[in-house]
Amino acid sequence: MSIQPFNPAGEVATQTNLPTSTGTIQLAEWAAELGAAHQLGTALCKTAFVPKDFMGKPEAAAAAILAGKSLGLDPMNALSNIFVVHGRPALYARTMTALVMAQGHEVVRTEATPESVTVAGRRKGQERWQEFTWTIDRAKTAGYTSNSKYQSDPIAMLTAKAQAEACRTIAPDVLAGMPYSAEEMELEDMGEKPPAAEAPVKTRKLTRKPAEKKAEAAARPARPAPAPELVADETTGEIQDDGPAAVLETDWEAELAEASSSRDALLTLWNRAVAEGAPAEMVSRIVDAGSKFA
C-alpha cells in the first residue's frame, strides 16, 4: 500500500511506500482525516463563526476538529467547545456533562447554594450514585477564586467544578485525552470586559452675581475713621492738643463721577469708601457702577 503524505500547503510530495499493516493503515486514515480537518479549518477560520482564538489559525482549528471527532463532536461544535488553555486542551464543564450523558451515564445537581454545590453521578449500568461537592472554601484553597466570577456567580462556577469532577470520575473513557475543564484551567475572567473606569468628578466654578456682591458690601460694617495723629512741639516736646482735628468730608459724589469710567478706579474708590466709613448708600452706588464691568 502506498501513502501520500499530508501536505497542507498543497506542494507535490514524493510518494512513499510503507509496508502494509494495521498500524500504518490507521496512520494513513488519520493523515487523511487531518487533511480534511485542515481544509475545513482553513475555510471556517476565515469566518466569524469560530472563536477569535482560532481565527487565522487553520492548523490549530484542524487539531481541535480532530480532537472533537474523537469525542463525538462535529467540526462546528468542536471549534466552539474545545479550548487550548496554557498549552492544554480543555472543554467547558457543561460540554463534558453533555458528552457523558449522551453515552447513557447520569449527572445530576442535587444541591446548589452560593457556598456549596453538590453533583451526583452514576455510570450506566450501575446502581450506586457518587456525590461530588465543591465549596467556596475548597475553591479558595485550590486557588480558583482569583477568577472574579466566583464573586459574581459562585453557583455557576462551583457547579462547573463539581460537574467536571463527576464526569472525569464516572466516565473517564468518554473524556479520554480531555481531562481538564476550561473553568479549571483559566483562572482569569474568560471574555469578560474589565470594569469601566470611574468618570472624573466634574467641578464647577461658583461666581457671585453683582446683586450678591452689592448685598455683601452693604451688609459689611463700616470701619471707624482713624484717630487724628498727635503732634509734639519741636522746641518743648509737649503734645499739642488743640481739640478735635477738623475732618474734611470727602466729596463721594465727585469721586464717583471721576472714577466711573474705570473698573480699577472704582475698585480703589470702593476700598477707600469702606475704609473711611462712607455712607452705606454711597458704597452701594459704587458697587452698582462697578457691576457694568463684570
Protein backbone atom coordinates (compact mmCIF):
# COMPACT_ATOMS: atom_id res chain seq x y z
CA MET A 1 0.00 0.00 0.00
CA SER A 2 1.35 3.45 -0.83
CA ILE A 3 0.54 6.51 1.30
CA GLN A 4 0.56 10.09 0.07
CA PRO A 5 1.95 12.22 2.94
CA PHE A 6 -0.30 15.02 4.18
CA ASN A 7 0.81 18.40 2.87
CA PRO A 8 -1.48 21.30 3.90
CA ALA A 9 0.34 23.78 1.68
CA GLY A 10 -0.52 21.72 -1.42
CA GLU A 11 3.05 21.11 -2.60
CA VAL A 12 3.75 17.96 -4.55
CA ALA A 13 5.30 15.42 -2.23
CA THR A 14 7.33 12.37 -3.12
CA GLN A 15 5.29 9.20 -2.85
CA THR A 16 6.49 6.93 -0.08
CA ASN A 17 5.98 3.21 0.02
CA LEU A 18 5.26 1.91 3.53
CA PRO A 19 4.72 -1.70 4.48
CA THR A 20 1.07 -2.55 4.86
CA SER A 21 0.00 -3.21 8.46
CA THR A 22 -2.86 -2.35 10.78
CA GLY A 23 -0.82 0.47 12.30
CA THR A 24 0.14 2.06 9.03
CA ILE A 25 -3.38 1.80 7.67
CA GLN A 26 -4.68 3.62 10.76
CA LEU A 27 -1.94 6.20 10.37
CA ALA A 28 -2.90 6.71 6.73
CA GLU A 29 -6.53 7.17 7.71
CA TRP A 30 -5.53 9.61 10.41
CA ALA A 31 -3.41 11.59 7.93
CA ALA A 32 -6.35 11.70 5.53
CA GLU A 33 -8.59 12.95 8.33
CA LEU A 34 -6.03 15.60 9.21
CA GLY A 35 -6.03 16.80 5.61
CA ALA A 36 -9.81 17.04 5.62
CA ALA A 37 -9.78 18.78 9.03
CA HIS A 38 -7.20 21.28 7.77
CA GLN A 39 -9.33 22.03 4.75
CA LEU A 40 -12.36 22.62 6.96
CA GLY A 41 -10.34 24.68 9.43
CA THR A 42 -8.92 26.87 6.67
CA ALA A 43 -12.41 27.67 5.43
CA LEU A 44 -14.00 28.16 8.85
CA CYS A 45 -11.20 30.31 10.29
CA LYS A 46 -11.99 32.97 7.70
CA THR A 47 -15.49 33.43 9.13
CA ALA A 48 -16.95 34.93 12.30
CA PHE A 49 -18.44 31.56 13.28
CA VAL A 50 -15.35 30.44 15.17
CA PRO A 51 -13.91 31.82 18.44
CA LYS A 52 -11.34 34.57 17.96
CA ASP A 53 -8.54 32.28 19.19
CA PHE A 54 -8.94 30.16 16.03
CA MET A 55 -9.22 32.98 13.51
CA GLY A 56 -6.33 32.82 11.07
CA LYS A 57 -5.03 29.59 12.66
CA PRO A 58 -6.15 26.71 10.43
CA GLU A 59 -3.63 24.27 11.93
CA ALA A 60 -4.98 24.84 15.45
CA ALA A 61 -8.52 24.54 14.12
CA ALA A 62 -7.66 21.25 12.40
CA ALA A 63 -6.29 19.86 15.67
CA ALA A 64 -9.43 20.94 17.52
CA ILE A 65 -11.66 19.34 14.86
CA LEU A 66 -9.79 16.04 15.18
CA ALA A 67 -9.93 16.20 18.98
CA GLY A 68 -13.65 16.85 18.77
CA LYS A 69 -14.12 13.93 16.39
CA SER A 70 -12.62 11.56 18.97
CA LEU A 71 -15.19 12.85 21.47
CA GLY A 72 -18.12 12.68 19.08
CA LEU A 73 -18.35 16.40 18.33
CA ASP A 74 -18.95 17.70 14.82
CA PRO A 75 -16.46 20.31 13.47
CA MET A 76 -18.51 23.38 14.43
CA ASN A 77 -19.15 22.12 17.99
CA ALA A 78 -15.51 21.15 18.32
CA LEU A 79 -14.34 24.67 17.44
CA SER A 80 -16.94 26.20 19.78
CA ASN A 81 -16.26 23.97 22.79
CA ILE A 82 -12.60 22.94 22.73
CA PHE A 83 -10.06 25.44 24.01
CA VAL A 84 -6.32 25.48 24.45
CA VAL A 85 -5.57 26.97 27.85
CA HIS A 86 -1.94 27.24 28.96
CA GLY A 87 -0.99 24.78 26.20
CA ARG A 88 -3.53 22.11 27.19
CA PRO A 89 -6.85 21.24 25.54
CA ALA A 90 -9.90 21.80 27.69
CA LEU A 91 -13.71 21.62 27.47
CA TYR A 92 -16.40 23.58 29.22
CA ALA A 93 -17.85 21.55 32.09
CA ARG A 94 -21.30 21.72 30.51
CA THR A 95 -19.88 20.16 27.33
CA MET A 96 -18.27 17.38 29.40
CA THR A 97 -21.64 16.72 31.02
CA ALA A 98 -23.43 16.61 27.67
CA LEU A 99 -20.91 14.11 26.25
CA VAL A 100 -21.09 11.87 29.31
CA MET A 101 -24.91 11.89 29.41
CA ALA A 102 -25.03 11.17 25.65
CA GLN A 103 -23.33 7.86 26.43
CA GLY A 104 -26.07 6.89 28.90
CA HIS A 105 -24.35 7.96 32.12
CA GLU A 106 -26.19 10.19 34.61
CA VAL A 107 -25.09 13.52 36.09
CA VAL A 108 -27.50 15.44 38.35
CA ARG A 109 -27.03 18.53 40.51
CA THR A 110 -28.59 17.83 43.92
CA GLU A 111 -27.64 20.94 45.90
CA ALA A 112 -26.78 24.48 44.89
CA THR A 113 -26.07 27.48 47.12
CA PRO A 114 -23.54 30.30 46.81
CA GLU A 115 -21.42 28.46 49.39
CA SER A 116 -21.70 24.85 48.19
CA VAL A 117 -22.76 22.82 45.14
CA THR A 118 -23.18 19.02 45.03
CA VAL A 119 -23.45 16.93 41.85
CA ALA A 120 -24.35 13.23 41.86
CA GLY A 121 -23.12 10.91 39.12
CA ARG A 122 -23.84 7.33 38.19
CA ARG A 123 -22.26 5.25 35.46
CA LYS A 124 -24.52 3.45 33.02
CA GLY A 125 -25.47 0.03 34.34
CA GLN A 126 -24.51 0.79 37.93
CA GLU A 127 -26.86 1.30 40.87
CA ARG A 128 -24.65 3.29 43.22
CA TRP A 129 -24.55 7.09 42.93
CA GLN A 130 -21.44 9.07 43.77
CA GLU A 131 -21.60 12.62 45.11
CA PHE A 132 -19.11 15.38 44.33
CA THR A 133 -19.21 18.58 46.38
CA TRP A 134 -17.38 21.84 45.77
CA THR A 135 -17.47 24.66 48.30
CA ILE A 136 -16.16 28.20 48.18
CA ASP A 137 -13.55 27.26 50.78
CA ARG A 138 -12.37 24.33 48.65
CA ALA A 139 -12.17 26.53 45.55
CA LYS A 140 -10.26 29.17 47.53
CA THR A 141 -7.78 26.59 48.81
CA ALA A 142 -7.23 25.36 45.24
CA GLY A 143 -6.60 28.93 44.05
CA TYR A 144 -9.59 29.21 41.72
CA THR A 145 -11.33 32.16 43.37
CA SER A 146 -8.97 34.64 41.74
CA ASN A 147 -11.50 34.41 38.90
CA SER A 148 -13.95 37.23 39.67
CA LYS A 149 -16.86 35.05 38.51
CA TYR A 150 -16.62 33.29 41.86
CA GLN A 151 -17.85 36.57 43.36
CA SER A 152 -20.40 37.49 40.68
CA ASP A 153 -21.84 33.97 40.06
CA PRO A 154 -20.48 31.46 42.60
CA ILE A 155 -23.21 28.84 41.95
CA ALA A 156 -22.31 28.55 38.25
CA MET A 157 -18.59 28.27 38.96
CA LEU A 158 -19.00 25.69 41.75
CA THR A 159 -21.40 23.72 39.55
CA ALA A 160 -18.80 23.61 36.77
CA LYS A 161 -16.18 22.30 39.20
CA ALA A 162 -18.48 19.60 40.59
CA GLN A 163 -19.71 18.55 37.13
CA ALA A 164 -16.18 18.25 35.73
CA GLU A 165 -15.06 16.13 38.68
CA ALA A 166 -18.11 13.89 38.39
CA CYS A 167 -17.65 13.36 34.65
CA ARG A 168 -13.94 12.53 34.95
CA THR A 169 -14.67 10.06 37.76
CA ILE A 170 -17.63 8.09 36.44
CA ALA A 171 -16.79 8.19 32.71
CA PRO A 172 -13.07 8.74 32.11
CA ASP A 173 -13.31 6.75 28.87
CA VAL A 174 -15.71 9.30 27.36
CA LEU A 175 -13.32 12.16 28.05
CA ALA A 176 -10.10 10.37 27.12
CA GLY A 177 -7.50 12.96 26.15
CA MET A 178 -9.61 15.81 27.51
CA PRO A 179 -9.15 15.68 31.30
CA TYR A 180 -9.50 19.38 32.07
CA SER A 181 -12.38 21.81 32.05
CA ALA A 182 -11.94 25.36 30.80
CA GLU A 183 -13.17 26.64 34.17
CA GLU A 184 -10.30 24.79 35.88
CA MET A 185 -7.55 25.89 33.54
CA GLU A 186 -8.47 29.56 33.13
CA LEU A 187 -8.22 31.49 36.37
CA GLU A 188 -8.85 34.89 34.81
CA ASP A 189 -12.18 36.19 33.53
CA MET A 190 -12.99 34.41 30.27
CA GLY A 191 -14.16 37.03 27.78
CA GLU A 192 -15.30 39.50 30.41
CA LYS A 193 -14.61 43.16 29.96
CA PRO A 194 -12.71 44.92 32.71
CA PRO A 195 -14.76 47.18 34.87
CA ALA A 196 -15.20 50.63 33.40
CA ALA A 197 -13.01 53.32 34.96
CA GLU A 198 -14.84 55.78 37.14
CA ALA A 199 -15.63 59.04 35.38
CA PRO A 200 -13.75 62.03 36.80
CA VAL A 201 -15.79 64.27 39.04
CA LYS A 202 -16.66 67.46 37.25
CA THR A 203 -16.20 70.69 39.19
CA ARG A 204 -17.92 73.98 38.56
CA LYS A 205 -16.55 77.38 39.45
CA LEU A 206 -19.02 79.37 41.52
CA THR A 207 -19.18 83.10 40.92
CA ARG A 208 -21.24 85.65 42.75
CA LYS A 209 -23.71 87.75 40.87
CA PRO A 210 -23.42 91.56 41.01
CA ALA A 211 -26.56 91.75 43.17
CA GLU A 212 -24.98 89.36 45.70
CA LYS A 213 -21.78 91.41 45.75
CA LYS A 214 -23.86 94.55 46.34
CA ALA A 215 -25.73 92.99 49.25
CA GLU A 216 -22.48 91.77 50.80
CA ALA A 217 -20.90 95.19 50.54
CA ALA A 218 -23.95 96.83 52.08
CA ALA A 219 -24.01 94.37 54.96
CA ARG A 220 -20.32 94.81 55.79
CA PRO A 221 -19.92 97.10 58.85
CA ALA A 222 -18.20 100.40 58.21
CA ARG A 223 -14.72 100.76 59.62
CA PRO A 224 -14.20 103.61 62.12
CA ALA A 225 -12.16 106.55 60.92
CA PRO A 226 -8.58 106.55 62.24
CA ALA A 227 -7.88 108.74 65.25
CA PRO A 228 -6.11 112.04 64.49
CA GLU A 229 -2.33 111.92 64.92
CA LEU A 230 -0.96 113.89 67.89
CA VAL A 231 1.99 116.21 67.06
CA ALA A 232 4.72 117.19 69.57
CA ASP A 233 6.14 120.73 69.74
CA GLU A 234 9.64 120.76 68.20
CA THR A 235 11.06 123.06 70.96
CA THR A 236 9.41 121.93 74.17
CA GLY A 237 8.44 118.42 73.19
CA GLU A 238 4.93 118.97 74.52
CA ILE A 239 1.99 117.31 72.83
CA GLN A 240 -0.09 119.87 71.03
CA ASP A 241 -3.73 119.16 71.73
CA ASP A 242 -5.89 121.85 70.25
CA GLY A 243 -9.06 119.77 70.43
CA PRO A 244 -10.58 117.55 67.81
CA ALA A 245 -8.89 117.93 64.46
CA ALA A 246 -11.00 119.22 61.72
CA VAL A 247 -12.10 116.41 59.45
CA LEU A 248 -12.62 117.28 55.84
CA GLU A 249 -15.57 115.45 54.40
CA THR A 250 -14.89 113.55 51.18
CA ASP A 251 -16.99 114.54 48.24
CA TRP A 252 -18.03 110.99 47.33
CA GLU A 253 -20.28 112.17 44.53
CA ALA A 254 -17.35 113.84 42.78
CA GLU A 255 -15.07 110.88 43.45
CA LEU A 256 -17.68 108.51 41.98
CA ALA A 257 -18.15 110.64 38.87
CA GLU A 258 -14.39 110.78 38.31
CA ALA A 259 -13.87 107.01 38.77
CA SER A 260 -16.97 105.79 36.95
CA SER A 261 -15.15 105.23 33.64
CA SER A 262 -12.55 102.80 35.04
CA ARG A 263 -13.05 99.45 36.78
CA ASP A 264 -9.75 99.76 38.66
CA ALA A 265 -10.58 103.29 39.77
CA LEU A 266 -13.96 102.13 41.05
CA LEU A 267 -12.33 99.26 42.93
CA THR A 268 -9.88 101.68 44.57
CA LEU A 269 -12.73 104.03 45.43
CA TRP A 270 -14.76 101.20 46.92
CA ASN A 271 -11.81 100.20 49.17
CA ARG A 272 -11.47 103.82 50.29
CA ALA A 273 -15.17 104.18 50.93
CA VAL A 274 -15.27 101.08 53.10
CA ALA A 275 -12.07 102.01 54.98
CA GLU A 276 -13.17 105.59 55.62
CA GLY A 277 -16.68 104.70 56.65
CA ALA A 278 -18.56 106.23 53.72
CA PRO A 279 -22.37 106.02 53.89
CA ALA A 280 -23.73 102.59 53.00
CA GLU A 281 -25.79 104.16 50.20
CA MET A 282 -22.64 105.54 48.59
CA VAL A 283 -20.86 102.18 48.91
CA SER A 284 -23.82 100.55 47.14
CA ARG A 285 -23.71 103.11 44.33
CA ILE A 286 -20.01 102.42 43.83
CA VAL A 287 -20.79 98.68 43.61
CA ASP A 288 -23.59 99.37 41.10
CA ALA A 289 -21.21 101.46 38.97
CA GLY A 290 -18.64 98.64 39.01
CA SER A 291 -21.18 95.92 38.09
CA LYS A 292 -21.25 97.09 34.48
CA PHE A 293 -17.63 95.92 34.15
CA ALA A 294 -18.41 92.40 35.47
